[in-house]
Amino acid sequence: MADQVQASKSVRVVRSKDLIVERLGELGISLPEAPQPLGAYLPVVESGSTLYVSMQGPLKDGKSPWSGLLGREVSIEQGRDAARQCVLNSLAQIQRHQGGFQRIAAIARLDGYVACTEDFFAHPAVLDGASDLIATLFGSQAGHARSVCGVRNLPGNVPVALMLTIALRSRASRVRDQ
């Protein structure tokens, strides 16, 4: 019995700093309030060691500063800014679901959608706005598979939307021997 008590005293939960929160602060970026779902779905689903973030648009305070199609009303740079805002909204969803970013082992996949004219072909350049921000924030955890496609329109007439798939560390990985 004494051995069991001693063993339980030697295990503690290690709370390391949340490096993503620190990096956001260093960049002067505040996460927005996580947007409410636009339909009957969950914004984040955790299954095993994977976190799925539902499609996020570039909403700020409930509306998008950008609307329309890339190649017509929206420039590539505006599309890149919109893609960055989609990442921030995704991070806000993760923070609401997980309470932080400490369990993120890797950004596994980014799926992007660019609402555009039929003669617009710079989809990768637009989505690089999201990938670049992820790389800045997550460093070695940022390498991700990516798909991007052009679509005729997106909900709310937003020009860009994306979904993230996140590989998580197990909860037990935060428990260490003293």
N, C-alpha and C. Protein backbone atom coordinates (compact mmCIF):
# COMPACT_ATOMS: atom_id res chain seq x y z
N MET A 1 0.82 -1.19 0.00
CA MET A 1 0.00 0.00 0.00
C MET A 1 0.86 1.25 0.00
N ALA A 2 1.93 1.25 0.80
CA ALA A 2 2.83 2.41 0.85
C ALA A 2 3.48 2.64 -0.51
N ASP A 3 3.80 1.53 -1.23
CA ASP A 3 4.39 1.67 -2.57
C ASP A 3 3.41 2.36 -3.53
N GLN A 4 2.13 2.01 -3.42
CA GLN A 4 1.12 2.61 -4.29
C GLN A 4 0.98 4.11 -4.01
N VAL A 5 1.02 4.48 -2.76
CA VAL A 5 0.92 5.89 -2.41
C VAL A 5 2.14 6.64 -2.93
N GLN A 6 3.32 6.07 -2.74
CA GLN A 6 4.54 6.70 -3.22
C GLN A 6 4.50 6.85 -4.75
N ALA A 7 4.05 5.82 -5.45
CA ALA A 7 4.00 5.88 -6.90
C ALA A 7 3.04 6.98 -7.35
N SER A 8 1.90 7.13 -6.68
CA SER A 8 0.96 8.15 -7.10
C SER A 8 1.49 9.55 -6.82
N LYS A 9 2.36 9.72 -5.83
CA LYS A 9 2.93 11.03 -5.56
C LYS A 9 4.01 11.40 -6.58
N SER A 10 4.59 10.42 -7.26
CA SER A 10 5.68 10.73 -8.19
C SER A 10 5.18 11.11 -9.57
N VAL A 11 3.88 11.08 -9.80
CA VAL A 11 3.32 11.43 -11.09
C VAL A 11 2.61 12.77 -10.95
N ARG A 12 2.90 13.67 -11.87
CA ARG A 12 2.23 14.96 -11.85
C ARG A 12 1.92 15.39 -13.28
N VAL A 13 0.99 16.27 -13.40
CA VAL A 13 0.65 16.80 -14.72
C VAL A 13 1.57 17.97 -14.99
N VAL A 14 2.24 17.94 -16.13
CA VAL A 14 3.15 19.00 -16.51
C VAL A 14 2.39 19.96 -17.42
N ARG A 15 2.29 21.19 -17.02
CA ARG A 15 1.63 22.22 -17.82
C ARG A 15 2.71 23.09 -18.45
N SER A 16 3.06 22.77 -19.67
CA SER A 16 4.06 23.59 -20.34
C SER A 16 3.38 24.84 -20.88
N LYS A 17 4.18 25.81 -21.22
CA LYS A 17 3.64 27.04 -21.80
C LYS A 17 2.96 26.69 -23.12
N ASP A 18 1.94 27.44 -23.43
CA ASP A 18 1.27 27.26 -24.71
C ASP A 18 2.00 28.15 -25.72
N LEU A 19 2.89 27.53 -26.49
CA LEU A 19 3.74 28.28 -27.42
C LEU A 19 2.95 28.99 -28.51
N ILE A 20 1.81 28.41 -28.89
CA ILE A 20 1.02 29.04 -29.94
C ILE A 20 0.42 30.34 -29.43
N VAL A 21 -0.07 30.34 -28.19
CA VAL A 21 -0.60 31.56 -27.60
C VAL A 21 0.51 32.61 -27.50
N GLU A 22 1.70 32.18 -27.11
CA GLU A 22 2.84 33.10 -27.03
C GLU A 22 3.17 33.69 -28.41
N ARG A 23 3.21 32.83 -29.43
CA ARG A 23 3.53 33.32 -30.78
C ARG A 23 2.48 34.29 -31.29
N LEU A 24 1.22 33.98 -31.02
CA LEU A 24 0.15 34.91 -31.41
C LEU A 24 0.38 36.27 -30.76
N GLY A 25 0.69 36.25 -29.47
CA GLY A 25 0.96 37.50 -28.75
C GLY A 25 2.14 38.26 -29.33
N GLU A 26 3.21 37.54 -29.64
CA GLU A 26 4.41 38.17 -30.23
C GLU A 26 4.08 38.84 -31.56
N LEU A 27 3.14 38.26 -32.29
CA LEU A 27 2.75 38.81 -33.60
C LEU A 27 1.68 39.89 -33.47
N GLY A 28 1.21 40.10 -32.24
CA GLY A 28 0.16 41.09 -32.02
C GLY A 28 -1.20 40.64 -32.53
N ILE A 29 -1.40 39.32 -32.55
CA ILE A 29 -2.66 38.76 -33.06
C ILE A 29 -3.49 38.27 -31.90
N SER A 30 -4.74 38.69 -31.87
CA SER A 30 -5.71 38.17 -30.89
C SER A 30 -6.66 37.24 -31.63
N LEU A 31 -6.96 36.12 -31.01
CA LEU A 31 -7.93 35.23 -31.64
C LEU A 31 -9.32 35.83 -31.51
N PRO A 32 -10.11 35.68 -32.57
CA PRO A 32 -11.49 36.17 -32.51
C PRO A 32 -12.35 35.24 -31.65
N GLU A 33 -13.54 35.66 -31.38
CA GLU A 33 -14.53 34.78 -30.78
C GLU A 33 -14.82 33.69 -31.81
N ALA A 34 -14.88 32.44 -31.37
CA ALA A 34 -15.14 31.34 -32.30
C ALA A 34 -16.52 31.52 -32.93
N PRO A 35 -16.59 31.54 -34.27
CA PRO A 35 -17.89 31.73 -34.93
C PRO A 35 -18.87 30.59 -34.63
N GLN A 36 -20.13 30.93 -34.58
CA GLN A 36 -21.17 29.93 -34.39
C GLN A 36 -21.38 29.16 -35.70
N PRO A 37 -21.69 27.87 -35.61
CA PRO A 37 -21.97 27.10 -36.84
C PRO A 37 -23.13 27.72 -37.62
N LEU A 38 -23.07 27.61 -38.93
CA LEU A 38 -24.11 28.15 -39.79
C LEU A 38 -25.21 27.13 -40.09
N GLY A 39 -25.12 25.95 -39.46
CA GLY A 39 -26.10 24.90 -39.70
C GLY A 39 -26.08 23.90 -38.56
N ALA A 40 -26.65 22.75 -38.82
CA ALA A 40 -26.78 21.70 -37.80
C ALA A 40 -25.56 20.79 -37.82
N TYR A 41 -24.44 21.28 -37.30
CA TYR A 41 -23.20 20.51 -37.24
C TYR A 41 -22.37 21.04 -36.09
N LEU A 42 -21.34 20.28 -35.73
CA LEU A 42 -20.41 20.69 -34.68
C LEU A 42 -19.22 21.40 -35.31
N PRO A 43 -18.73 22.46 -34.69
CA PRO A 43 -17.57 23.15 -35.27
C PRO A 43 -16.28 22.34 -35.15
N VAL A 44 -16.19 21.47 -34.14
CA VAL A 44 -15.00 20.64 -33.93
C VAL A 44 -15.45 19.27 -33.46
N VAL A 45 -14.83 18.24 -34.02
CA VAL A 45 -15.08 16.86 -33.58
C VAL A 45 -13.73 16.21 -33.30
N GLU A 46 -13.63 15.59 -32.13
CA GLU A 46 -12.43 14.86 -31.77
C GLU A 46 -12.74 13.38 -31.85
N SER A 47 -11.92 12.65 -32.59
CA SER A 47 -12.07 11.21 -32.72
C SER A 47 -10.70 10.57 -32.55
N GLY A 48 -10.51 9.87 -31.44
CA GLY A 48 -9.21 9.29 -31.16
C GLY A 48 -8.17 10.38 -31.02
N SER A 49 -7.12 10.28 -31.81
CA SER A 49 -6.05 11.28 -31.75
C SER A 49 -6.13 12.29 -32.90
N THR A 50 -7.34 12.46 -33.42
CA THR A 50 -7.53 13.39 -34.54
C THR A 50 -8.62 14.40 -34.19
N LEU A 51 -8.36 15.63 -34.56
CA LEU A 51 -9.31 16.71 -34.36
C LEU A 51 -9.70 17.23 -35.74
N TYR A 52 -11.00 17.29 -35.99
CA TYR A 52 -11.51 17.78 -37.26
C TYR A 52 -12.20 19.12 -37.02
N VAL A 53 -11.74 20.15 -37.70
CA VAL A 53 -12.34 21.47 -37.58
C VAL A 53 -13.21 21.69 -38.82
N SER A 54 -14.51 21.91 -38.59
CA SER A 54 -15.43 22.15 -39.70
C SER A 54 -15.03 23.40 -40.48
N MET A 55 -15.56 23.49 -41.68
CA MET A 55 -15.22 24.60 -42.56
C MET A 55 -15.41 25.94 -41.85
N GLN A 56 -14.38 26.77 -41.94
CA GLN A 56 -14.41 28.10 -41.34
C GLN A 56 -14.24 29.13 -42.45
N GLY A 57 -15.09 30.13 -42.42
CA GLY A 57 -14.95 31.25 -43.35
C GLY A 57 -14.18 32.38 -42.68
N PRO A 58 -13.98 33.47 -43.40
CA PRO A 58 -13.18 34.58 -42.88
C PRO A 58 -14.01 35.60 -42.09
N LEU A 59 -14.85 35.11 -41.20
CA LEU A 59 -15.72 36.02 -40.45
C LEU A 59 -14.96 36.79 -39.39
N LYS A 60 -15.34 38.05 -39.24
CA LYS A 60 -14.87 38.91 -38.15
C LYS A 60 -16.13 39.53 -37.56
N ASP A 61 -16.32 39.32 -36.28
CA ASP A 61 -17.52 39.85 -35.61
C ASP A 61 -18.80 39.45 -36.33
N GLY A 62 -18.85 38.20 -36.79
CA GLY A 62 -20.07 37.66 -37.38
C GLY A 62 -20.28 37.94 -38.85
N LYS A 63 -19.39 38.71 -39.48
CA LYS A 63 -19.54 38.94 -40.92
C LYS A 63 -18.16 38.99 -41.59
N SER A 64 -18.17 38.77 -42.88
CA SER A 64 -16.90 38.75 -43.61
C SER A 64 -16.59 40.14 -44.18
N PRO A 65 -15.36 40.61 -43.96
CA PRO A 65 -14.95 41.87 -44.59
C PRO A 65 -14.77 41.74 -46.10
N TRP A 66 -14.70 40.51 -46.58
CA TRP A 66 -14.51 40.25 -48.00
C TRP A 66 -15.72 39.50 -48.52
N SER A 67 -16.15 39.81 -49.73
CA SER A 67 -17.22 39.04 -50.35
C SER A 67 -17.02 39.05 -51.85
N GLY A 68 -17.53 38.02 -52.46
CA GLY A 68 -17.44 37.92 -53.91
C GLY A 68 -16.43 36.88 -54.37
N LEU A 69 -16.08 36.98 -55.61
CA LEU A 69 -15.25 35.97 -56.26
C LEU A 69 -13.83 36.48 -56.48
N LEU A 70 -12.85 35.59 -56.26
CA LEU A 70 -11.49 35.87 -56.68
C LEU A 70 -11.50 35.95 -58.20
N GLY A 71 -10.77 36.89 -58.74
CA GLY A 71 -10.77 37.10 -60.18
C GLY A 71 -11.79 38.11 -60.62
N ARG A 72 -12.62 38.58 -59.68
CA ARG A 72 -13.58 39.64 -60.01
C ARG A 72 -13.57 40.68 -58.89
N GLU A 73 -14.30 40.46 -57.81
CA GLU A 73 -14.40 41.45 -56.73
C GLU A 73 -13.26 41.38 -55.72
N VAL A 74 -12.57 40.25 -55.65
CA VAL A 74 -11.57 40.01 -54.61
C VAL A 74 -10.21 39.76 -55.25
N SER A 75 -9.19 40.50 -54.77
CA SER A 75 -7.83 40.34 -55.29
C SER A 75 -7.14 39.14 -54.63
N ILE A 76 -6.03 38.72 -55.17
CA ILE A 76 -5.26 37.61 -54.58
C ILE A 76 -4.83 37.98 -53.17
N GLU A 77 -4.34 39.20 -52.95
CA GLU A 77 -3.90 39.60 -51.61
C GLU A 77 -5.06 39.62 -50.63
N GLN A 78 -6.23 40.09 -51.06
CA GLN A 78 -7.41 40.05 -50.19
C GLN A 78 -7.79 38.60 -49.90
N GLY A 79 -7.66 37.73 -50.89
CA GLY A 79 -7.94 36.31 -50.68
C GLY A 79 -6.99 35.70 -49.67
N ARG A 80 -5.71 36.08 -49.74
CA ARG A 80 -4.71 35.60 -48.77
C ARG A 80 -5.07 36.08 -47.36
N ASP A 81 -5.50 37.34 -47.24
CA ASP A 81 -5.92 37.86 -45.94
C ASP A 81 -7.14 37.10 -45.43
N ALA A 82 -8.07 36.80 -46.32
CA ALA A 82 -9.26 36.04 -45.94
C ALA A 82 -8.86 34.64 -45.47
N ALA A 83 -7.90 34.03 -46.16
CA ALA A 83 -7.44 32.68 -45.78
C ALA A 83 -6.80 32.72 -44.39
N ARG A 84 -6.03 33.76 -44.10
CA ARG A 84 -5.44 33.91 -42.76
C ARG A 84 -6.53 34.03 -41.69
N GLN A 85 -7.58 34.79 -42.01
CA GLN A 85 -8.69 34.93 -41.05
C GLN A 85 -9.39 33.59 -40.83
N CYS A 86 -9.49 32.78 -41.87
CA CYS A 86 -10.07 31.43 -41.72
C CYS A 86 -9.24 30.61 -40.73
N VAL A 87 -7.91 30.72 -40.81
CA VAL A 87 -7.04 30.01 -39.87
C VAL A 87 -7.30 30.50 -38.46
N LEU A 88 -7.38 31.81 -38.27
CA LEU A 88 -7.63 32.35 -36.93
C LEU A 88 -8.96 31.86 -36.37
N ASN A 89 -9.98 31.79 -37.21
CA ASN A 89 -11.27 31.27 -36.76
C ASN A 89 -11.17 29.78 -36.41
N SER A 90 -10.39 29.04 -37.18
CA SER A 90 -10.17 27.62 -36.87
C SER A 90 -9.46 27.47 -35.54
N LEU A 91 -8.44 28.31 -35.30
CA LEU A 91 -7.73 28.26 -34.03
C LEU A 91 -8.64 28.63 -32.86
N ALA A 92 -9.53 29.58 -33.08
CA ALA A 92 -10.49 29.95 -32.04
C ALA A 92 -11.40 28.77 -31.72
N GLN A 93 -11.79 28.01 -32.74
CA GLN A 93 -12.62 26.82 -32.51
C GLN A 93 -11.83 25.77 -31.72
N ILE A 94 -10.56 25.58 -32.08
CA ILE A 94 -9.72 24.60 -31.37
C ILE A 94 -9.54 25.04 -29.92
N GLN A 95 -9.28 26.31 -29.71
CA GLN A 95 -9.08 26.79 -28.35
C GLN A 95 -10.35 26.60 -27.52
N ARG A 96 -11.49 26.86 -28.10
CA ARG A 96 -12.76 26.66 -27.37
C ARG A 96 -12.95 25.17 -27.05
N HIS A 97 -12.59 24.31 -27.98
CA HIS A 97 -12.80 22.86 -27.78
C HIS A 97 -11.75 22.26 -26.84
N GLN A 98 -10.49 22.63 -27.04
CA GLN A 98 -9.38 22.00 -26.31
C GLN A 98 -8.90 22.81 -25.10
N GLY A 99 -9.24 24.08 -25.06
CA GLY A 99 -8.74 24.93 -23.99
C GLY A 99 -7.34 25.46 -24.26
N GLY A 100 -6.79 25.19 -25.40
CA GLY A 100 -5.44 25.63 -25.77
C GLY A 100 -4.93 24.78 -26.91
N PHE A 101 -3.62 24.88 -27.13
CA PHE A 101 -3.01 24.22 -28.28
C PHE A 101 -1.93 23.23 -27.91
N GLN A 102 -1.80 22.93 -26.64
CA GLN A 102 -0.71 22.09 -26.17
C GLN A 102 -0.77 20.65 -26.67
N ARG A 103 -1.94 20.16 -26.99
CA ARG A 103 -2.06 18.77 -27.45
C ARG A 103 -1.82 18.63 -28.95
N ILE A 104 -1.64 19.72 -29.66
CA ILE A 104 -1.45 19.61 -31.11
C ILE A 104 -0.07 19.05 -31.40
N ALA A 105 -0.05 17.89 -32.05
CA ALA A 105 1.20 17.27 -32.48
C ALA A 105 1.58 17.77 -33.87
N ALA A 106 0.57 17.98 -34.73
CA ALA A 106 0.84 18.43 -36.09
C ALA A 106 -0.44 18.91 -36.75
N ILE A 107 -0.27 19.84 -37.66
CA ILE A 107 -1.36 20.20 -38.56
C ILE A 107 -1.26 19.18 -39.69
N ALA A 108 -2.20 18.26 -39.74
CA ALA A 108 -2.09 17.15 -40.69
C ALA A 108 -2.56 17.52 -42.10
N ARG A 109 -3.65 18.27 -42.16
CA ARG A 109 -4.23 18.54 -43.48
C ARG A 109 -5.00 19.86 -43.46
N LEU A 110 -4.92 20.56 -44.55
CA LEU A 110 -5.68 21.78 -44.77
C LEU A 110 -6.43 21.61 -46.08
N ASP A 111 -7.74 21.72 -46.05
CA ASP A 111 -8.56 21.67 -47.26
C ASP A 111 -9.13 23.05 -47.49
N GLY A 112 -8.83 23.65 -48.63
CA GLY A 112 -9.26 25.00 -48.91
C GLY A 112 -10.19 25.09 -50.09
N TYR A 113 -11.07 26.07 -50.02
CA TYR A 113 -12.05 26.33 -51.08
C TYR A 113 -11.97 27.80 -51.44
N VAL A 114 -11.82 28.08 -52.71
CA VAL A 114 -11.69 29.44 -53.20
C VAL A 114 -12.85 29.70 -54.17
N ALA A 115 -13.72 30.64 -53.80
CA ALA A 115 -14.81 31.02 -54.69
C ALA A 115 -14.21 31.94 -55.75
N CYS A 116 -14.36 31.56 -57.01
CA CYS A 116 -13.64 32.30 -58.05
C CYS A 116 -14.35 32.22 -59.39
N THR A 117 -13.88 33.07 -60.28
CA THR A 117 -14.37 33.06 -61.65
C THR A 117 -13.79 31.84 -62.36
N GLU A 118 -14.38 31.49 -63.48
CA GLU A 118 -13.93 30.29 -64.18
C GLU A 118 -12.54 30.44 -64.79
N ASP A 119 -12.06 31.66 -64.96
CA ASP A 119 -10.73 31.86 -65.52
C ASP A 119 -9.68 32.22 -64.46
N PHE A 120 -9.97 31.97 -63.20
CA PHE A 120 -9.03 32.22 -62.11
C PHE A 120 -8.28 30.93 -61.81
N PHE A 121 -6.95 30.99 -61.77
CA PHE A 121 -6.16 29.78 -61.57
C PHE A 121 -5.10 29.91 -60.48
N ALA A 122 -5.16 30.96 -59.69
CA ALA A 122 -4.14 31.18 -58.65
C ALA A 122 -4.60 30.69 -57.28
N HIS A 123 -5.36 29.62 -57.27
CA HIS A 123 -5.88 29.06 -56.01
C HIS A 123 -4.76 28.80 -54.99
N PRO A 124 -3.64 28.17 -55.39
CA PRO A 124 -2.58 27.91 -54.42
C PRO A 124 -2.03 29.18 -53.78
N ALA A 125 -1.90 30.26 -54.55
CA ALA A 125 -1.38 31.52 -54.00
C ALA A 125 -2.30 32.07 -52.93
N VAL A 126 -3.59 31.93 -53.12
CA VAL A 126 -4.57 32.39 -52.12
C VAL A 126 -4.42 31.57 -50.84
N LEU A 127 -4.40 30.27 -50.98
CA LEU A 127 -4.33 29.41 -49.80
C LEU A 127 -2.98 29.48 -49.10
N ASP A 128 -1.95 29.96 -49.80
CA ASP A 128 -0.65 30.17 -49.14
C ASP A 128 -0.78 31.14 -47.97
N GLY A 129 -1.76 32.04 -48.01
CA GLY A 129 -1.99 32.93 -46.87
C GLY A 129 -2.26 32.14 -45.61
N ALA A 130 -3.02 31.06 -45.72
CA ALA A 130 -3.30 30.19 -44.58
C ALA A 130 -2.07 29.37 -44.21
N SER A 131 -1.44 28.76 -45.19
CA SER A 131 -0.27 27.91 -44.93
C SER A 131 0.87 28.70 -44.31
N ASP A 132 1.08 29.92 -44.78
CA ASP A 132 2.16 30.75 -44.23
C ASP A 132 1.91 31.09 -42.77
N LEU A 133 0.68 31.43 -42.41
CA LEU A 133 0.37 31.73 -41.01
C LEU A 133 0.55 30.48 -40.15
N ILE A 134 0.10 29.35 -40.63
CA ILE A 134 0.27 28.09 -39.88
C ILE A 134 1.76 27.82 -39.67
N ALA A 135 2.58 28.02 -40.69
CA ALA A 135 4.02 27.80 -40.56
C ALA A 135 4.63 28.75 -39.53
N THR A 136 4.21 29.99 -39.55
CA THR A 136 4.73 30.98 -38.59
C THR A 136 4.37 30.59 -37.16
N LEU A 137 3.16 30.12 -36.96
CA LEU A 137 2.69 29.80 -35.61
C LEU A 137 3.18 28.45 -35.10
N PHE A 138 3.19 27.44 -35.97
CA PHE A 138 3.43 26.08 -35.52
C PHE A 138 4.82 25.55 -35.82
N GLY A 139 5.61 26.26 -36.58
CA GLY A 139 6.98 25.83 -36.84
C GLY A 139 7.03 24.41 -37.39
N SER A 140 7.77 23.54 -36.72
CA SER A 140 7.98 22.17 -37.20
C SER A 140 6.69 21.33 -37.19
N GLN A 141 5.68 21.78 -36.50
CA GLN A 141 4.40 21.06 -36.47
C GLN A 141 3.49 21.49 -37.62
N ALA A 142 3.96 22.40 -38.46
CA ALA A 142 3.10 23.03 -39.46
C ALA A 142 3.02 22.29 -40.78
N GLY A 143 3.97 21.43 -41.10
CA GLY A 143 3.95 20.75 -42.39
C GLY A 143 2.64 20.00 -42.55
N HIS A 144 1.93 20.25 -43.62
CA HIS A 144 0.61 19.64 -43.78
C HIS A 144 0.36 19.26 -45.23
N ALA A 145 -0.48 18.25 -45.39
CA ALA A 145 -1.01 17.94 -46.71
C ALA A 145 -2.05 19.02 -47.00
N ARG A 146 -2.26 19.30 -48.26
CA ARG A 146 -3.19 20.38 -48.59
C ARG A 146 -3.90 20.09 -49.89
N SER A 147 -5.15 20.44 -49.91
CA SER A 147 -5.89 20.43 -51.17
C SER A 147 -6.60 21.77 -51.29
N VAL A 148 -6.76 22.21 -52.50
CA VAL A 148 -7.47 23.46 -52.76
C VAL A 148 -8.25 23.29 -54.05
N CYS A 149 -9.45 23.81 -54.04
CA CYS A 149 -10.24 23.76 -55.27
C CYS A 149 -11.02 25.05 -55.42
N GLY A 150 -11.28 25.37 -56.66
CA GLY A 150 -12.11 26.53 -56.95
C GLY A 150 -13.56 26.11 -56.99
N VAL A 151 -14.40 26.96 -56.43
CA VAL A 151 -15.84 26.68 -56.39
C VAL A 151 -16.58 27.92 -56.88
N ARG A 152 -17.81 27.72 -57.28
CA ARG A 152 -18.63 28.82 -57.82
C ARG A 152 -19.03 29.81 -56.73
N ASN A 153 -19.34 29.30 -55.53
CA ASN A 153 -19.69 30.19 -54.42
C ASN A 153 -19.55 29.44 -53.10
N LEU A 154 -19.53 30.21 -52.03
CA LEU A 154 -19.43 29.67 -50.67
C LEU A 154 -20.50 30.33 -49.81
N PRO A 155 -20.87 29.71 -48.69
CA PRO A 155 -21.91 30.31 -47.83
C PRO A 155 -21.60 31.76 -47.47
N GLY A 156 -22.60 32.60 -47.51
CA GLY A 156 -22.42 34.01 -47.15
C GLY A 156 -21.64 34.81 -48.17
N ASN A 157 -21.41 34.26 -49.34
CA ASN A 157 -20.65 34.92 -50.41
C ASN A 157 -19.21 35.21 -50.00
N VAL A 158 -18.65 34.38 -49.06
CA VAL A 158 -17.25 34.57 -48.68
C VAL A 158 -16.36 34.06 -49.80
N PRO A 159 -15.17 34.63 -49.94
CA PRO A 159 -14.30 34.22 -51.05
C PRO A 159 -13.44 32.99 -50.75
N VAL A 160 -13.23 32.68 -49.47
CA VAL A 160 -12.35 31.58 -49.08
C VAL A 160 -12.92 30.90 -47.84
N ALA A 161 -12.75 29.60 -47.77
CA ALA A 161 -13.11 28.84 -46.57
C ALA A 161 -12.16 27.65 -46.49
N LEU A 162 -11.94 27.17 -45.27
CA LEU A 162 -11.04 26.02 -45.13
C LEU A 162 -11.43 25.14 -43.96
N MET A 163 -10.93 23.92 -44.03
CA MET A 163 -11.10 22.94 -42.96
C MET A 163 -9.71 22.45 -42.56
N LEU A 164 -9.54 22.15 -41.27
CA LEU A 164 -8.28 21.62 -40.77
C LEU A 164 -8.47 20.25 -40.16
N THR A 165 -7.48 19.40 -40.34
CA THR A 165 -7.39 18.12 -39.65
C THR A 165 -6.11 18.17 -38.82
N ILE A 166 -6.25 17.92 -37.52
CA ILE A 166 -5.16 18.09 -36.57
C ILE A 166 -4.81 16.75 -35.94
N ALA A 167 -3.53 16.41 -35.88
CA ALA A 167 -3.07 15.23 -35.14
C ALA A 167 -2.80 15.68 -33.70
N LEU A 168 -3.38 14.95 -32.76
CA LEU A 168 -3.25 15.30 -31.34
C LEU A 168 -2.30 14.37 -30.61
N ARG A 169 -1.64 14.91 -29.61
CA ARG A 169 -0.91 14.09 -28.65
C ARG A 169 -1.95 13.49 -27.71
N SER A 170 -1.64 12.34 -27.16
CA SER A 170 -2.56 11.75 -26.20
C SER A 170 -2.56 12.59 -24.93
N ARG A 171 -3.63 12.52 -24.20
CA ARG A 171 -3.71 13.25 -22.92
C ARG A 171 -2.63 12.74 -21.97
N ALA A 172 -2.31 11.46 -22.05
CA ALA A 172 -1.30 10.86 -21.17
C ALA A 172 0.08 11.43 -21.42
N SER A 173 0.32 11.98 -22.61
CA SER A 173 1.65 12.50 -22.91
C SER A 173 1.99 13.73 -22.08
N ARG A 174 0.98 14.33 -21.44
CA ARG A 174 1.23 15.47 -20.57
C ARG A 174 1.52 15.03 -19.15
N VAL A 175 1.43 13.73 -18.88
CA VAL A 175 1.73 13.22 -17.53
C VAL A 175 3.13 12.64 -17.58
N ARG A 176 3.99 13.10 -16.66
CA ARG A 176 5.38 12.64 -16.64
C ARG A 176 5.78 12.28 -15.23
N ASP A 177 6.82 11.47 -15.13
CA ASP A 177 7.38 11.16 -13.81
C ASP A 177 8.15 12.36 -13.29
N GLN A 178 8.07 12.55 -12.03
CA GLN A 178 8.75 13.69 -11.40
C GLN A 178 10.21 13.39 -11.21
